[in-house]
Amino acid sequence: MGTDAFLGQGWRFPVRVNARGGLDWSSGEDSIQEAIWTILATPRRSRVMEPAFGCGIHDYLFRPNNPATRAAVMDEVRQALTRWEPRIDVLRVSATSPPDTPTVLLLSVDYRVRANNAAHNLVYPFHITEGLA
């Protein structure tokens, strides 16, 4: 079994229709990156059939951008990815704010794919103060 087969295949995120009228698919490491993005973008309690799915960072909306909030958000990211994405090991999570946009936290996730030990990084922009950026 090849690495791509082990890592799986699923609908591309966001879901798209291809030129032949079928769905676009994602596989391998692209599938993992899209799964991470989906986990981080989904607020907990937003899926009726799976209310625990997602990430608790959305509970920190409108909180001050201070070290305590950033630490809590980083912990939520680590917990969510550890629980919902078994194909990776989370190596490091950091949160920074660009000086010109203090209402945005750039969540940097360093992770390793367990199947092939390939290291990757994903940066997810989280808007602490929605609508003011």
C-alpha atoms as a PDB file:
ATOM      1  CA  MET A   1       0.000   0.000   0.000  1.00  0.00           C
ATOM      2  CA  GLY A   2       1.458   3.357  -1.030  1.00  0.00           C
ATOM      3  CA  THR A   3       1.633   6.401   1.207  1.00  0.00           C
ATOM      4  CA  ASP A   4      -1.101   8.223  -0.710  1.00  0.00           C
ATOM      5  CA  ALA A   5      -3.434   5.246  -0.326  1.00  0.00           C
ATOM      6  CA  PHE A   6      -2.737   5.152   3.395  1.00  0.00           C
ATOM      7  CA  LEU A   7      -3.325   8.895   3.792  1.00  0.00           C
ATOM      8  CA  GLY A   8      -6.703   8.591   2.094  1.00  0.00           C
ATOM      9  CA  GLN A   9      -8.812  10.442  -0.393  1.00  0.00           C
ATOM     10  CA  GLY A  10     -11.890  12.616   0.022  1.00  0.00           C
ATOM     11  CA  TRP A  11     -13.782  15.557  -1.331  1.00  0.00           C
ATOM     12  CA  ARG A  12     -11.647  18.612  -1.970  1.00  0.00           C
ATOM     13  CA  PHE A  13     -12.296  21.453   0.455  1.00  0.00           C
ATOM     14  CA  PRO A  14     -14.116  23.565  -0.315  1.00  0.00           C
ATOM     15  CA  VAL A  15     -16.291  21.140  -2.277  1.00  0.00           C
ATOM     16  CA  ARG A  16     -16.018  21.860  -6.017  1.00  0.00           C
ATOM     17  CA  VAL A  17     -17.540  20.487  -9.189  1.00  0.00           C
ATOM     18  CA  ASN A  18     -15.031  19.680 -11.923  1.00  0.00           C
ATOM     19  CA  ALA A  19     -15.366  20.280 -15.670  1.00  0.00           C
ATOM     20  CA  ARG A  20     -16.998  16.860 -16.182  1.00  0.00           C
ATOM     21  CA  GLY A  21     -19.715  17.599 -13.620  1.00  0.00           C
ATOM     22  CA  GLY A  22     -18.232  15.369 -10.907  1.00  0.00           C
ATOM     23  CA  LEU A  23     -16.674  16.273  -7.595  1.00  0.00           C
ATOM     24  CA  ASP A  24     -13.022  17.229  -7.247  1.00  0.00           C
ATOM     25  CA  TRP A  25     -11.064  14.901  -4.978  1.00  0.00           C
ATOM     26  CA  SER A  26      -8.133  15.478  -2.698  1.00  0.00           C
ATOM     27  CA  SER A  27      -5.642  12.826  -1.693  1.00  0.00           C
ATOM     28  CA  GLY A  28      -2.425  12.328   0.224  1.00  0.00           C
ATOM     29  CA  GLU A  29      -0.879  15.266   2.034  1.00  0.00           C
ATOM     30  CA  ASP A  30      -3.305  17.704   0.385  1.00  0.00           C
ATOM     31  CA  SER A  31      -6.123  15.791   2.074  1.00  0.00           C
ATOM     32  CA  ILE A  32      -4.438  16.228   5.457  1.00  0.00           C
ATOM     33  CA  GLN A  33      -3.942  19.959   4.974  1.00  0.00           C
ATOM     34  CA  GLU A  34      -7.595  20.380   3.987  1.00  0.00           C
ATOM     35  CA  ALA A  35      -8.691  18.300   6.999  1.00  0.00           C
ATOM     36  CA  ILE A  36      -6.658  20.515   9.339  1.00  0.00           C
ATOM     37  CA  TRP A  37      -8.217  23.618   7.802  1.00  0.00           C
ATOM     38  CA  THR A  38     -11.707  22.095   8.221  1.00  0.00           C
ATOM     39  CA  ILE A  39     -11.073  21.234  11.879  1.00  0.00           C
ATOM     40  CA  LEU A  40      -9.824  24.744  12.672  1.00  0.00           C
ATOM     41  CA  ALA A  41     -12.638  26.452  10.737  1.00  0.00           C
ATOM     42  CA  THR A  42     -15.430  24.447  12.384  1.00  0.00           C
ATOM     43  CA  PRO A  43     -16.720  25.767  15.702  1.00  0.00           C
ATOM     44  CA  ARG A  44     -17.521  23.088  18.260  1.00  0.00           C
ATOM     45  CA  ARG A  45     -21.248  22.453  18.684  1.00  0.00           C
ATOM     46  CA  SER A  46     -21.941  23.553  15.088  1.00  0.00           C
ATOM     47  CA  ARG A  47     -22.500  20.044  13.670  1.00  0.00           C
ATOM     48  CA  VAL A  48     -25.748  18.489  14.836  1.00  0.00           C
ATOM     49  CA  MET A  49     -24.652  14.872  14.445  1.00  0.00           C
ATOM     50  CA  GLU A  50     -21.128  15.459  15.819  1.00  0.00           C
ATOM     51  CA  PRO A  51     -21.253  18.416  18.268  1.00  0.00           C
ATOM     52  CA  ALA A  52     -17.771  17.722  19.671  1.00  0.00           C
ATOM     53  CA  PHE A  53     -16.148  18.031  16.210  1.00  0.00           C
ATOM     54  CA  GLY A  54     -14.157  21.162  15.487  1.00  0.00           C
ATOM     55  CA  CYS A  55     -11.991  23.541  17.413  1.00  0.00           C
ATOM     56  CA  GLY A  56     -12.708  25.699  20.450  1.00  0.00           C
ATOM     57  CA  ILE A  57     -10.897  28.764  19.112  1.00  0.00           C
ATOM     58  CA  HIS A  58     -14.212  30.287  18.121  1.00  0.00           C
ATOM     59  CA  ASP A  59     -15.072  30.626  21.832  1.00  0.00           C
ATOM     60  CA  TYR A  60     -12.319  33.282  21.975  1.00  0.00           C
ATOM     61  CA  LEU A  61     -13.951  35.638  19.515  1.00  0.00           C
ATOM     62  CA  PHE A  62     -13.993  39.196  20.904  1.00  0.00           C
ATOM     63  CA  ARG A  63     -11.442  38.357  23.602  1.00  0.00           C
ATOM     64  CA  PRO A  64      -8.487  40.718  24.001  1.00  0.00           C
ATOM     65  CA  ASN A  65      -5.389  39.919  22.001  1.00  0.00           C
ATOM     66  CA  ASN A  66      -3.111  39.260  24.957  1.00  0.00           C
ATOM     67  CA  PRO A  67      -0.732  36.472  26.006  1.00  0.00           C
ATOM     68  CA  ALA A  68      -3.447  34.611  27.953  1.00  0.00           C
ATOM     69  CA  THR A  69      -5.811  34.523  24.962  1.00  0.00           C
ATOM     70  CA  ARG A  70      -3.038  33.480  22.581  1.00  0.00           C
ATOM     71  CA  ALA A  71      -1.963  30.666  24.937  1.00  0.00           C
ATOM     72  CA  ALA A  72      -5.548  29.419  25.277  1.00  0.00           C
ATOM     73  CA  VAL A  73      -6.079  29.509  21.502  1.00  0.00           C
ATOM     74  CA  MET A  74      -2.848  27.582  20.892  1.00  0.00           C
ATOM     75  CA  ASP A  75      -3.961  24.946  23.410  1.00  0.00           C
ATOM     76  CA  GLU A  76      -7.371  24.629  21.699  1.00  0.00           C
ATOM     77  CA  VAL A  77      -5.667  24.116  18.325  1.00  0.00           C
ATOM     78  CA  ARG A  78      -3.349  21.424  19.699  1.00  0.00           C
ATOM     79  CA  GLN A  79      -6.207  19.583  21.423  1.00  0.00           C
ATOM     80  CA  ALA A  80      -8.481  19.674  18.366  1.00  0.00           C
ATOM     81  CA  LEU A  81      -5.825  18.447  15.940  1.00  0.00           C
ATOM     82  CA  THR A  82      -4.667  15.728  18.315  1.00  0.00           C
ATOM     83  CA  ARG A  83      -8.232  14.484  18.669  1.00  0.00           C
ATOM     84  CA  TRP A  84      -9.541  14.809  15.118  1.00  0.00           C
ATOM     85  CA  GLU A  85      -6.556  14.272  12.791  1.00  0.00           C
ATOM     86  CA  PRO A  86      -4.918  10.921  13.565  1.00  0.00           C
ATOM     87  CA  ARG A  87      -2.648  11.032  10.506  1.00  0.00           C
ATOM     88  CA  ILE A  88      -0.389  13.709  12.030  1.00  0.00           C
ATOM     89  CA  ASP A  89       1.710  14.532  15.068  1.00  0.00           C
ATOM     90  CA  VAL A  90       1.407  18.169  16.128  1.00  0.00           C
ATOM     91  CA  LEU A  91       4.943  19.426  16.696  1.00  0.00           C
ATOM     92  CA  ARG A  92       4.349  23.076  17.543  1.00  0.00           C
ATOM     93  CA  VAL A  93       1.560  25.644  17.553  1.00  0.00           C
ATOM     94  CA  SER A  94       2.256  29.364  17.731  1.00  0.00           C
ATOM     95  CA  ALA A  95       0.078  32.466  17.539  1.00  0.00           C
ATOM     96  CA  THR A  96       1.293  35.857  16.399  1.00  0.00           C
ATOM     97  CA  SER A  97      -0.368  39.082  15.281  1.00  0.00           C
ATOM     98  CA  PRO A  98       0.915  41.246  12.456  1.00  0.00           C
ATOM     99  CA  PRO A  99       1.654  44.748  13.793  1.00  0.00           C
ATOM    100  CA  ASP A 100      -0.746  46.358  11.314  1.00  0.00           C
ATOM    101  CA  THR A 101      -3.679  43.996  12.115  1.00  0.00           C
ATOM    102  CA  PRO A 102      -3.895  43.284  15.863  1.00  0.00           C
ATOM    103  CA  THR A 103      -7.363  41.751  15.418  1.00  0.00           C
ATOM    104  CA  VAL A 104      -5.894  38.766  13.551  1.00  0.00           C
ATOM    105  CA  LEU A 105      -4.036  35.849  15.081  1.00  0.00           C
ATOM    106  CA  LEU A 106      -1.862  33.937  12.647  1.00  0.00           C
ATOM    107  CA  LEU A 107      -1.935  30.370  13.972  1.00  0.00           C
ATOM    108  CA  SER A 108       1.123  28.516  12.744  1.00  0.00           C
ATOM    109  CA  VAL A 109       0.875  24.728  13.047  1.00  0.00           C
ATOM    110  CA  ASP A 110       3.987  22.624  12.537  1.00  0.00           C
ATOM    111  CA  TYR A 111       3.080  18.988  12.063  1.00  0.00           C
ATOM    112  CA  ARG A 112       4.560  15.704  10.891  1.00  0.00           C
ATOM    113  CA  VAL A 113       2.721  13.188   8.730  1.00  0.00           C
ATOM    114  CA  ARG A 114       2.961   9.869  10.548  1.00  0.00           C
ATOM    115  CA  ALA A 115       3.018   7.742   7.387  1.00  0.00           C
ATOM    116  CA  ASN A 116       6.186   9.258   5.932  1.00  0.00           C
ATOM    117  CA  ASN A 117       7.620  11.615   8.615  1.00  0.00           C
ATOM    118  CA  ALA A 118       7.275  14.591   6.268  1.00  0.00           C
ATOM    119  CA  ALA A 119       7.212  17.873   8.185  1.00  0.00           C
ATOM    120  CA  HIS A 120       4.750  20.590   7.167  1.00  0.00           C
ATOM    121  CA  ASN A 121       3.503  23.972   8.307  1.00  0.00           C
ATOM    122  CA  LEU A 122       0.056  25.480   7.939  1.00  0.00           C
ATOM    123  CA  VAL A 123      -0.819  29.077   8.835  1.00  0.00           C
ATOM    124  CA  TYR A 124      -4.461  29.679   9.702  1.00  0.00           C
ATOM    125  CA  PRO A 125      -5.678  33.286  10.080  1.00  0.00           C
ATOM    126  CA  PHE A 126      -8.093  33.620  12.996  1.00  0.00           C
ATOM    127  CA  HIS A 127      -9.933  36.921  13.316  1.00  0.00           C
ATOM    128  CA  ILE A 128     -10.346  37.678  17.028  1.00  0.00           C
ATOM    129  CA  THR A 129     -12.583  40.636  16.380  1.00  0.00           C
ATOM    130  CA  GLU A 130     -14.834  39.613  13.530  1.00  0.00           C
ATOM    131  CA  GLY A 131     -15.689  42.309  11.044  1.00  0.00           C
ATOM    132  CA  LEU A 132     -13.112  44.849  12.219  1.00  0.00           C
ATOM    133  CA  ALA A 133     -10.133  43.628  10.217  1.00  0.00           C
END
